[in-house]
Amino acid sequence: MSIGGGIALIVIGAILTFALNFEVEWINLDLVGYIFMAAGLVILIIGLVFLLRRRQSVSTTRTGIDPANGQQVTQRRSESDDPLR
């Protein structure tokens, strides 16, 4: 959500700054556009940082035959890059 919101703010800010050619007495649309683009960039960077910090885990399952007694053996192992685990 934050990545899409950041991109939307950047696009709206660019439209206000570069595409509109009229002036309003009580507000500077160029300044508002630059503020929207800066806010969108900050939100986009925060969203990417949170996306990259997400935990990842890998699960491995192996099945084989035990040579000693001929029975099927299943081994499961999970790894996580979570530092608390």
PDB file of N, CA and C in Angstrom:
ATOM      1  N   MET A   1       0.821  -1.190   0.000  1.00  0.00           N
ATOM      2  CA  MET A   1       0.000   0.000   0.000  1.00  0.00           C
ATOM      3  C   MET A   1       0.863   1.251   0.000  1.00  0.00           C
ATOM      4  N   SER A   2       1.936   1.246   0.781  1.00  0.00           N
ATOM      5  CA  SER A   2       2.745   2.457   0.879  1.00  0.00           C
ATOM      6  C   SER A   2       3.517   2.723  -0.408  1.00  0.00           C
ATOM      7  N   ILE A   3       3.918   1.667  -1.107  1.00  0.00           N
ATOM      8  CA  ILE A   3       4.641   1.871  -2.359  1.00  0.00           C
ATOM      9  C   ILE A   3       3.702   2.478  -3.394  1.00  0.00           C
ATOM     10  N   GLY A   4       2.496   1.965  -3.499  1.00  0.00           N
ATOM     11  CA  GLY A   4       1.516   2.515  -4.439  1.00  0.00           C
ATOM     12  C   GLY A   4       1.100   3.929  -4.071  1.00  0.00           C
ATOM     13  N   GLY A   5       0.942   4.188  -2.789  1.00  0.00           N
ATOM     14  CA  GLY A   5       0.598   5.545  -2.336  1.00  0.00           C
ATOM     15  C   GLY A   5       1.706   6.537  -2.633  1.00  0.00           C
ATOM     16  N   GLY A   6       2.953   6.109  -2.450  1.00  0.00           N
ATOM     17  CA  GLY A   6       4.082   6.978  -2.758  1.00  0.00           C
ATOM     18  C   GLY A   6       4.165   7.310  -4.237  1.00  0.00           C
ATOM     19  N   ILE A   7       3.950   6.297  -5.069  1.00  0.00           N
ATOM     20  CA  ILE A   7       3.968   6.532  -6.521  1.00  0.00           C
ATOM     21  C   ILE A   7       2.822   7.450  -6.918  1.00  0.00           C
ATOM     22  N   ALA A   8       1.656   7.264  -6.325  1.00  0.00           N
ATOM     23  CA  ALA A   8       0.511   8.124  -6.642  1.00  0.00           C
ATOM     24  C   ALA A   8       0.789   9.580  -6.267  1.00  0.00           C
ATOM     25  N   LEU A   9       1.399   9.803  -5.102  1.00  0.00           N
ATOM     26  CA  LEU A   9       1.729  11.171  -4.703  1.00  0.00           C
ATOM     27  C   LEU A   9       2.756  11.799  -5.644  1.00  0.00           C
ATOM     28  N   ILE A  10       3.720  11.013  -6.088  1.00  0.00           N
ATOM     29  CA  ILE A  10       4.720  11.528  -7.032  1.00  0.00           C
ATOM     30  C   ILE A  10       4.053  11.923  -8.344  1.00  0.00           C
ATOM     31  N   VAL A  11       3.154  11.092  -8.834  1.00  0.00           N
ATOM     32  CA  VAL A  11       2.466  11.390 -10.098  1.00  0.00           C
ATOM     33  C   VAL A  11       1.582  12.624  -9.962  1.00  0.00           C
ATOM     34  N   ILE A  12       0.824  12.710  -8.880  1.00  0.00           N
ATOM     35  CA  ILE A  12      -0.045  13.881  -8.678  1.00  0.00           C
ATOM     36  C   ILE A  12       0.792  15.148  -8.548  1.00  0.00           C
ATOM     37  N   GLY A  13       1.903  15.059  -7.824  1.00  0.00           N
ATOM     38  CA  GLY A  13       2.781  16.211  -7.694  1.00  0.00           C
ATOM     39  C   GLY A  13       3.390  16.638  -9.018  1.00  0.00           C
ATOM     40  N   ALA A  14       3.778  15.666  -9.838  1.00  0.00           N
ATOM     41  CA  ALA A  14       4.341  15.999 -11.147  1.00  0.00           C
ATOM     42  C   ALA A  14       3.292  16.639 -12.049  1.00  0.00           C
ATOM     43  N   ILE A  15       2.066  16.168 -11.974  1.00  0.00           N
ATOM     44  CA  ILE A  15       0.998  16.780 -12.773  1.00  0.00           C
ATOM     45  C   ILE A  15       0.759  18.213 -12.323  1.00  0.00           C
ATOM     46  N   LEU A  16       0.697  18.433 -11.010  1.00  0.00           N
ATOM     47  CA  LEU A  16       0.486  19.795 -10.511  1.00  0.00           C
ATOM     48  C   LEU A  16       1.640  20.726 -10.896  1.00  0.00           C
ATOM     49  N   THR A  17       2.862  20.214 -10.879  1.00  0.00           N
ATOM     50  CA  THR A  17       4.018  21.058 -11.134  1.00  0.00           C
ATOM     51  C   THR A  17       4.247  21.301 -12.617  1.00  0.00           C
ATOM     52  N   PHE A  18       4.214  20.257 -13.418  1.00  0.00           N
ATOM     53  CA  PHE A  18       4.663  20.364 -14.803  1.00  0.00           C
ATOM     54  C   PHE A  18       3.551  20.420 -15.842  1.00  0.00           C
ATOM     55  N   ALA A  19       2.370  19.894 -15.537  1.00  0.00           N
ATOM     56  CA  ALA A  19       1.335  19.794 -16.572  1.00  0.00           C
ATOM     57  C   ALA A  19       0.310  20.923 -16.524  1.00  0.00           C
ATOM     58  N   LEU A  20       0.070  21.494 -15.371  1.00  0.00           N
ATOM     59  CA  LEU A  20      -0.937  22.545 -15.269  1.00  0.00           C
ATOM     60  C   LEU A  20      -0.302  23.906 -15.514  1.00  0.00           C
ATOM     61  N   ASN A  21      -0.941  24.709 -16.378  1.00  0.00           N
ATOM     62  CA  ASN A  21      -0.388  26.005 -16.740  1.00  0.00           C
ATOM     63  C   ASN A  21      -1.254  27.167 -16.271  1.00  0.00           C
ATOM     64  N   PHE A  22      -2.094  26.977 -15.278  1.00  0.00           N
ATOM     65  CA  PHE A  22      -2.895  28.098 -14.784  1.00  0.00           C
ATOM     66  C   PHE A  22      -2.500  28.404 -13.340  1.00  0.00           C
ATOM     67  N   GLU A  23      -2.808  29.603 -12.913  1.00  0.00           N
ATOM     68  CA  GLU A  23      -2.443  30.041 -11.570  1.00  0.00           C
ATOM     69  C   GLU A  23      -3.690  30.312 -10.750  1.00  0.00           C
ATOM     70  N   VAL A  24      -3.583  30.043  -9.470  1.00  0.00           N
ATOM     71  CA  VAL A  24      -4.634  30.332  -8.517  1.00  0.00           C
ATOM     72  C   VAL A  24      -4.057  31.359  -7.550  1.00  0.00           C
ATOM     73  N   GLU A  25      -4.843  32.371  -7.216  1.00  0.00           N
ATOM     74  CA  GLU A  25      -4.337  33.470  -6.389  1.00  0.00           C
ATOM     75  C   GLU A  25      -3.908  33.029  -4.997  1.00  0.00           C
ATOM     76  N   TRP A  26      -4.643  32.132  -4.388  1.00  0.00           N
ATOM     77  CA  TRP A  26      -4.434  31.824  -2.989  1.00  0.00           C
ATOM     78  C   TRP A  26      -3.499  30.646  -2.736  1.00  0.00           C
ATOM     79  N   ILE A  27      -3.000  29.969  -3.807  1.00  0.00           N
ATOM     80  CA  ILE A  27      -2.091  28.838  -3.604  1.00  0.00           C
ATOM     81  C   ILE A  27      -1.139  28.733  -4.793  1.00  0.00           C
ATOM     82  N   ASN A  28       0.076  28.350  -4.507  1.00  0.00           N
ATOM     83  CA  ASN A  28       1.074  28.136  -5.547  1.00  0.00           C
ATOM     84  C   ASN A  28       1.071  26.646  -5.894  1.00  0.00           C
ATOM     85  N   LEU A  29       0.531  26.286  -7.052  1.00  0.00           N
ATOM     86  CA  LEU A  29       0.391  24.878  -7.428  1.00  0.00           C
ATOM     87  C   LEU A  29       1.749  24.212  -7.661  1.00  0.00           C
ATOM     88  N   ASP A  30       2.749  24.975  -8.107  1.00  0.00           N
ATOM     89  CA  ASP A  30       4.079  24.394  -8.284  1.00  0.00           C
ATOM     90  C   ASP A  30       4.655  23.940  -6.944  1.00  0.00           C
ATOM     91  N   LEU A  31       4.512  24.776  -5.925  1.00  0.00           N
ATOM     92  CA  LEU A  31       5.017  24.422  -4.601  1.00  0.00           C
ATOM     93  C   LEU A  31       4.281  23.207  -4.037  1.00  0.00           C
ATOM     94  N   VAL A  32       2.971  23.173  -4.196  1.00  0.00           N
ATOM     95  CA  VAL A  32       2.195  22.024  -3.731  1.00  0.00           C
ATOM     96  C   VAL A  32       2.633  20.755  -4.467  1.00  0.00           C
ATOM     97  N   GLY A  33       2.895  20.877  -5.758  1.00  0.00           N
ATOM     98  CA  GLY A  33       3.368  19.727  -6.529  1.00  0.00           C
ATOM     99  C   GLY A  33       4.713  19.222  -6.050  1.00  0.00           C
ATOM    100  N   TYR A  34       5.634  20.141  -5.764  1.00  0.00           N
ATOM    101  CA  TYR A  34       6.942  19.726  -5.246  1.00  0.00           C
ATOM    102  C   TYR A  34       6.822  19.081  -3.869  1.00  0.00           C
ATOM    103  N   ILE A  35       5.928  19.599  -3.042  1.00  0.00           N
ATOM    104  CA  ILE A  35       5.709  19.001  -1.723  1.00  0.00           C
ATOM    105  C   ILE A  35       5.133  17.593  -1.867  1.00  0.00           C
ATOM    106  N   PHE A  36       4.171  17.405  -2.766  1.00  0.00           N
ATOM    107  CA  PHE A  36       3.606  16.073  -3.008  1.00  0.00           C
ATOM    108  C   PHE A  36       4.676  15.103  -3.509  1.00  0.00           C
ATOM    109  N   MET A  37       5.521  15.564  -4.427  1.00  0.00           N
ATOM    110  CA  MET A  37       6.566  14.676  -4.949  1.00  0.00           C
ATOM    111  C   MET A  37       7.562  14.292  -3.855  1.00  0.00           C
ATOM    112  N   ALA A  38       7.935  15.238  -2.993  1.00  0.00           N
ATOM    113  CA  ALA A  38       8.865  14.921  -1.898  1.00  0.00           C
ATOM    114  C   ALA A  38       8.227  13.953  -0.911  1.00  0.00           C
ATOM    115  N   ALA A  39       6.971  14.182  -0.564  1.00  0.00           N
ATOM    116  CA  ALA A  39       6.282  13.274   0.360  1.00  0.00           C
ATOM    117  C   ALA A  39       6.135  11.886  -0.256  1.00  0.00           C
ATOM    118  N   GLY A  40       5.828  11.831  -1.541  1.00  0.00           N
ATOM    119  CA  GLY A  40       5.716  10.540  -2.222  1.00  0.00           C
ATOM    120  C   GLY A  40       7.039   9.794  -2.241  1.00  0.00           C
ATOM    121  N   LEU A  41       8.130  10.511  -2.432  1.00  0.00           N
ATOM    122  CA  LEU A  41       9.451   9.879  -2.433  1.00  0.00           C
ATOM    123  C   LEU A  41       9.787   9.322  -1.053  1.00  0.00           C
ATOM    124  N   VAL A  42       9.482  10.067  -0.005  1.00  0.00           N
ATOM    125  CA  VAL A  42       9.737   9.591   1.362  1.00  0.00           C
ATOM    126  C   VAL A  42       8.904   8.350   1.658  1.00  0.00           C
ATOM    127  N   ILE A  43       7.629   8.382   1.291  1.00  0.00           N
ATOM    128  CA  ILE A  43       6.753   7.224   1.530  1.00  0.00           C
ATOM    129  C   ILE A  43       7.218   6.020   0.721  1.00  0.00           C
ATOM    130  N   LEU A  44       7.654   6.238  -0.509  1.00  0.00           N
ATOM    131  CA  LEU A  44       8.154   5.150  -1.350  1.00  0.00           C
ATOM    132  C   LEU A  44       9.404   4.518  -0.737  1.00  0.00           C
ATOM    133  N   ILE A  45      10.325   5.322  -0.253  1.00  0.00           N
ATOM    134  CA  ILE A  45      11.549   4.794   0.358  1.00  0.00           C
ATOM    135  C   ILE A  45      11.227   4.020   1.634  1.00  0.00           C
ATOM    136  N   ILE A  46      10.337   4.546   2.461  1.00  0.00           N
ATOM    137  CA  ILE A  46       9.950   3.831   3.683  1.00  0.00           C
ATOM    138  C   ILE A  46       9.283   2.499   3.342  1.00  0.00           C
ATOM    139  N   GLY A  47       8.425   2.490   2.331  1.00  0.00           N
ATOM    140  CA  GLY A  47       7.772   1.247   1.913  1.00  0.00           C
ATOM    141  C   GLY A  47       8.762   0.215   1.413  1.00  0.00           C
ATOM    142  N   LEU A  48       9.776   0.654   0.653  1.00  0.00           N
ATOM    143  CA  LEU A  48      10.786  -0.277   0.156  1.00  0.00           C
ATOM    144  C   LEU A  48      11.649  -0.820   1.289  1.00  0.00           C
ATOM    145  N   VAL A  49      11.979   0.017   2.265  1.00  0.00           N
ATOM    146  CA  VAL A  49      12.771  -0.445   3.402  1.00  0.00           C
ATOM    147  C   VAL A  49      11.995  -1.516   4.181  1.00  0.00           C
ATOM    148  N   PHE A  50      10.718  -1.282   4.430  1.00  0.00           N
ATOM    149  CA  PHE A  50       9.916  -2.284   5.140  1.00  0.00           C
ATOM    150  C   PHE A  50       9.752  -3.558   4.324  1.00  0.00           C
ATOM    151  N   LEU A  51       9.670  -3.442   3.023  1.00  0.00           N
ATOM    152  CA  LEU A  51       9.543  -4.623   2.169  1.00  0.00           C
ATOM    153  C   LEU A  51      10.818  -5.458   2.203  1.00  0.00           C
ATOM    154  N   LEU A  52      11.960  -4.808   2.196  1.00  0.00           N
ATOM    155  CA  LEU A  52      13.223  -5.536   2.191  1.00  0.00           C
ATOM    156  C   LEU A  52      13.577  -6.112   3.562  1.00  0.00           C
ATOM    157  N   ARG A  53      13.004  -5.571   4.625  1.00  0.00           N
ATOM    158  CA  ARG A  53      13.285  -6.075   5.965  1.00  0.00           C
ATOM    159  C   ARG A  53      12.387  -7.237   6.360  1.00  0.00           C
ATOM    160  N   ARG A  54      11.483  -7.624   5.494  1.00  0.00           N
ATOM    161  CA  ARG A  54      10.561  -8.710   5.814  1.00  0.00           C
ATOM    162  C   ARG A  54      11.342 -10.001   6.028  1.00  0.00           C
ATOM    163  N   ARG A  55      10.904 -10.803   6.969  1.00  0.00           N
ATOM    164  CA  ARG A  55      11.590 -12.048   7.283  1.00  0.00           C
ATOM    165  C   ARG A  55      11.417 -13.055   6.157  1.00  0.00           C
ATOM    166  N   GLN A  56      12.454 -13.850   5.957  1.00  0.00           N
ATOM    167  CA  GLN A  56      12.405 -14.905   4.961  1.00  0.00           C
ATOM    168  C   GLN A  56      12.762 -16.224   5.637  1.00  0.00           C
ATOM    169  N   SER A  57      12.097 -17.278   5.228  1.00  0.00           N
ATOM    170  CA  SER A  57      12.405 -18.588   5.788  1.00  0.00           C
ATOM    171  C   SER A  57      12.422 -19.615   4.663  1.00  0.00           C
ATOM    172  N   VAL A  58      13.210 -20.663   4.886  1.00  0.00           N
ATOM    173  CA  VAL A  58      13.353 -21.735   3.905  1.00  0.00           C
ATOM    174  C   VAL A  58      13.076 -23.054   4.620  1.00  0.00           C
ATOM    175  N   SER A  59      12.228 -23.870   4.035  1.00  0.00           N
ATOM    176  CA  SER A  59      11.941 -25.197   4.587  1.00  0.00           C
ATOM    177  C   SER A  59      12.429 -26.249   3.605  1.00  0.00           C
ATOM    178  N   THR A  60      13.136 -27.257   4.129  1.00  0.00           N
ATOM    179  CA  THR A  60      13.678 -28.328   3.298  1.00  0.00           C
ATOM    180  C   THR A  60      13.169 -29.663   3.835  1.00  0.00           C
ATOM    181  N   THR A  61      12.694 -30.508   2.947  1.00  0.00           N
ATOM    182  CA  THR A  61      12.248 -31.849   3.325  1.00  0.00           C
ATOM    183  C   THR A  61      12.989 -32.858   2.463  1.00  0.00           C
ATOM    184  N   ARG A  62      13.591 -33.841   3.121  1.00  0.00           N
ATOM    185  CA  ARG A  62      14.292 -34.909   2.404  1.00  0.00           C
ATOM    186  C   ARG A  62      13.701 -36.242   2.822  1.00  0.00           C
ATOM    187  N   THR A  63      13.547 -37.093   1.842  1.00  0.00           N
ATOM    188  CA  THR A  63      13.048 -38.440   2.112  1.00  0.00           C
ATOM    189  C   THR A  63      14.036 -39.429   1.518  1.00  0.00           C
ATOM    190  N   GLY A  64      14.390 -40.437   2.284  1.00  0.00           N
ATOM    191  CA  GLY A  64      15.338 -41.447   1.810  1.00  0.00           C
ATOM    192  C   GLY A  64      15.107 -42.758   2.524  1.00  0.00           C
ATOM    193  N   ILE A  65      15.895 -43.756   2.155  1.00  0.00           N
ATOM    194  CA  ILE A  65      15.818 -45.092   2.740  1.00  0.00           C
ATOM    195  C   ILE A  65      17.009 -45.274   3.685  1.00  0.00           C
ATOM    196  N   ASP A  66      16.718 -45.697   4.910  1.00  0.00           N
ATOM    197  CA  ASP A  66      17.772 -45.962   5.881  1.00  0.00           C
ATOM    198  C   ASP A  66      18.459 -47.274   5.501  1.00  0.00           C
ATOM    199  N   PRO A  67      19.773 -47.229   5.241  1.00  0.00           N
ATOM    200  CA  PRO A  67      20.456 -48.455   4.797  1.00  0.00           C
ATOM    201  C   PRO A  67      20.555 -49.528   5.889  1.00  0.00           C
ATOM    202  N   ALA A  68      20.445 -49.135   7.161  1.00  0.00           N
ATOM    203  CA  ALA A  68      20.595 -50.112   8.237  1.00  0.00           C
ATOM    204  C   ALA A  68      19.404 -51.056   8.329  1.00  0.00           C
ATOM    205  N   ASN A  69      18.169 -50.485   8.212  1.00  0.00           N
ATOM    206  CA  ASN A  69      17.001 -51.354   8.383  1.00  0.00           C
ATOM    207  C   ASN A  69      16.030 -51.280   7.200  1.00  0.00           C
ATOM    208  N   GLY A  70      16.318 -50.501   6.172  1.00  0.00           N
ATOM    209  CA  GLY A  70      15.486 -50.453   4.984  1.00  0.00           C
ATOM    210  C   GLY A  70      14.209 -49.655   5.116  1.00  0.00           C
ATOM    211  N   GLN A  71      14.054 -48.899   6.179  1.00  0.00           N
ATOM    212  CA  GLN A  71      12.849 -48.116   6.368  1.00  0.00           C
ATOM    213  C   GLN A  71      13.016 -46.733   5.735  1.00  0.00           C
ATOM    214  N   GLN A  72      11.862 -46.152   5.396  1.00  0.00           N
ATOM    215  CA  GLN A  72      11.852 -44.803   4.812  1.00  0.00           C
ATOM    216  C   GLN A  72      12.020 -43.771   5.929  1.00  0.00           C
ATOM    217  N   VAL A  73      12.926 -42.797   5.714  1.00  0.00           N
ATOM    218  CA  VAL A  73      13.224 -41.765   6.707  1.00  0.00           C
ATOM    219  C   VAL A  73      12.940 -40.405   6.083  1.00  0.00           C
ATOM    220  N   THR A  74      12.228 -39.557   6.826  1.00  0.00           N
ATOM    221  CA  THR A  74      11.936 -38.197   6.368  1.00  0.00           C
ATOM    222  C   THR A  74      12.601 -37.218   7.328  1.00  0.00           C
ATOM    223  N   GLN A  75      13.347 -36.277   6.754  1.00  0.00           N
ATOM    224  CA  GLN A  75      14.039 -35.268   7.553  1.00  0.00           C
ATOM    225  C   GLN A  75      13.517 -33.897   7.143  1.00  0.00           C
ATOM    226  N   ARG A  76      13.089 -33.106   8.115  1.00  0.00           N
ATOM    227  CA  ARG A  76      12.592 -31.753   7.855  1.00  0.00           C
ATOM    228  C   ARG A  76      13.483 -30.753   8.572  1.00  0.00           C
ATOM    229  N   ARG A  77      13.788 -29.648   7.871  1.00  0.00           N
ATOM    230  CA  ARG A  77      14.632 -28.602   8.463  1.00  0.00           C
ATOM    231  C   ARG A  77      14.108 -27.248   8.019  1.00  0.00           C
ATOM    232  N   SER A  78      14.009 -26.330   8.958  1.00  0.00           N
ATOM    233  CA  SER A  78      13.573 -24.964   8.654  1.00  0.00           C
ATOM    234  C   SER A  78      14.675 -23.994   9.054  1.00  0.00           C
ATOM    235  N   GLU A  79      14.921 -23.010   8.186  1.00  0.00           N
ATOM    236  CA  GLU A  79      15.900 -21.967   8.464  1.00  0.00           C
ATOM    237  C   GLU A  79      15.207 -20.619   8.321  1.00  0.00           C
ATOM    238  N   SER A  80      15.584 -19.705   9.181  1.00  0.00           N
ATOM    239  CA  SER A  80      15.017 -18.363   9.147  1.00  0.00           C
ATOM    240  C   SER A  80      16.135 -17.370   9.330  1.00  0.00           C
ATOM    241  N   ASP A  81      16.028 -16.217   8.650  1.00  0.00           N
ATOM    242  CA  ASP A  81      17.034 -15.183   8.834  1.00  0.00           C
ATOM    243  C   ASP A  81      16.633 -14.203   9.924  1.00  0.00           C
ATOM    244  N   ASP A  82      15.683 -14.608  10.761  1.00  0.00           N
ATOM    245  CA  ASP A  82      15.268 -13.792  11.895  1.00  0.00           C
ATOM    246  C   ASP A  82      16.358 -13.876  12.965  1.00  0.00           C
ATOM    247  N   PRO A  83      16.953 -12.756  13.402  1.00  0.00           N
ATOM    248  CA  PRO A  83      18.050 -12.826  14.369  1.00  0.00           C
ATOM    249  C   PRO A  83      17.618 -13.290  15.753  1.00  0.00           C
ATOM    250  N   LEU A  84      16.347 -13.227  16.074  1.00  0.00           N
ATOM    251  CA  LEU A  84      15.886 -13.645  17.388  1.00  0.00           C
ATOM    252  C   LEU A  84      15.599 -15.131  17.457  1.00  0.00           C
ATOM    253  N   ARG A  85      15.633 -15.804  16.341  1.00  0.00           N
ATOM    254  CA  ARG A  85      15.272 -17.199  16.298  1.00  0.00           C
ATOM    255  C   ARG A  85      16.456 -18.108  16.279  1.00  0.00           C
TER     256      ARG A  85
END
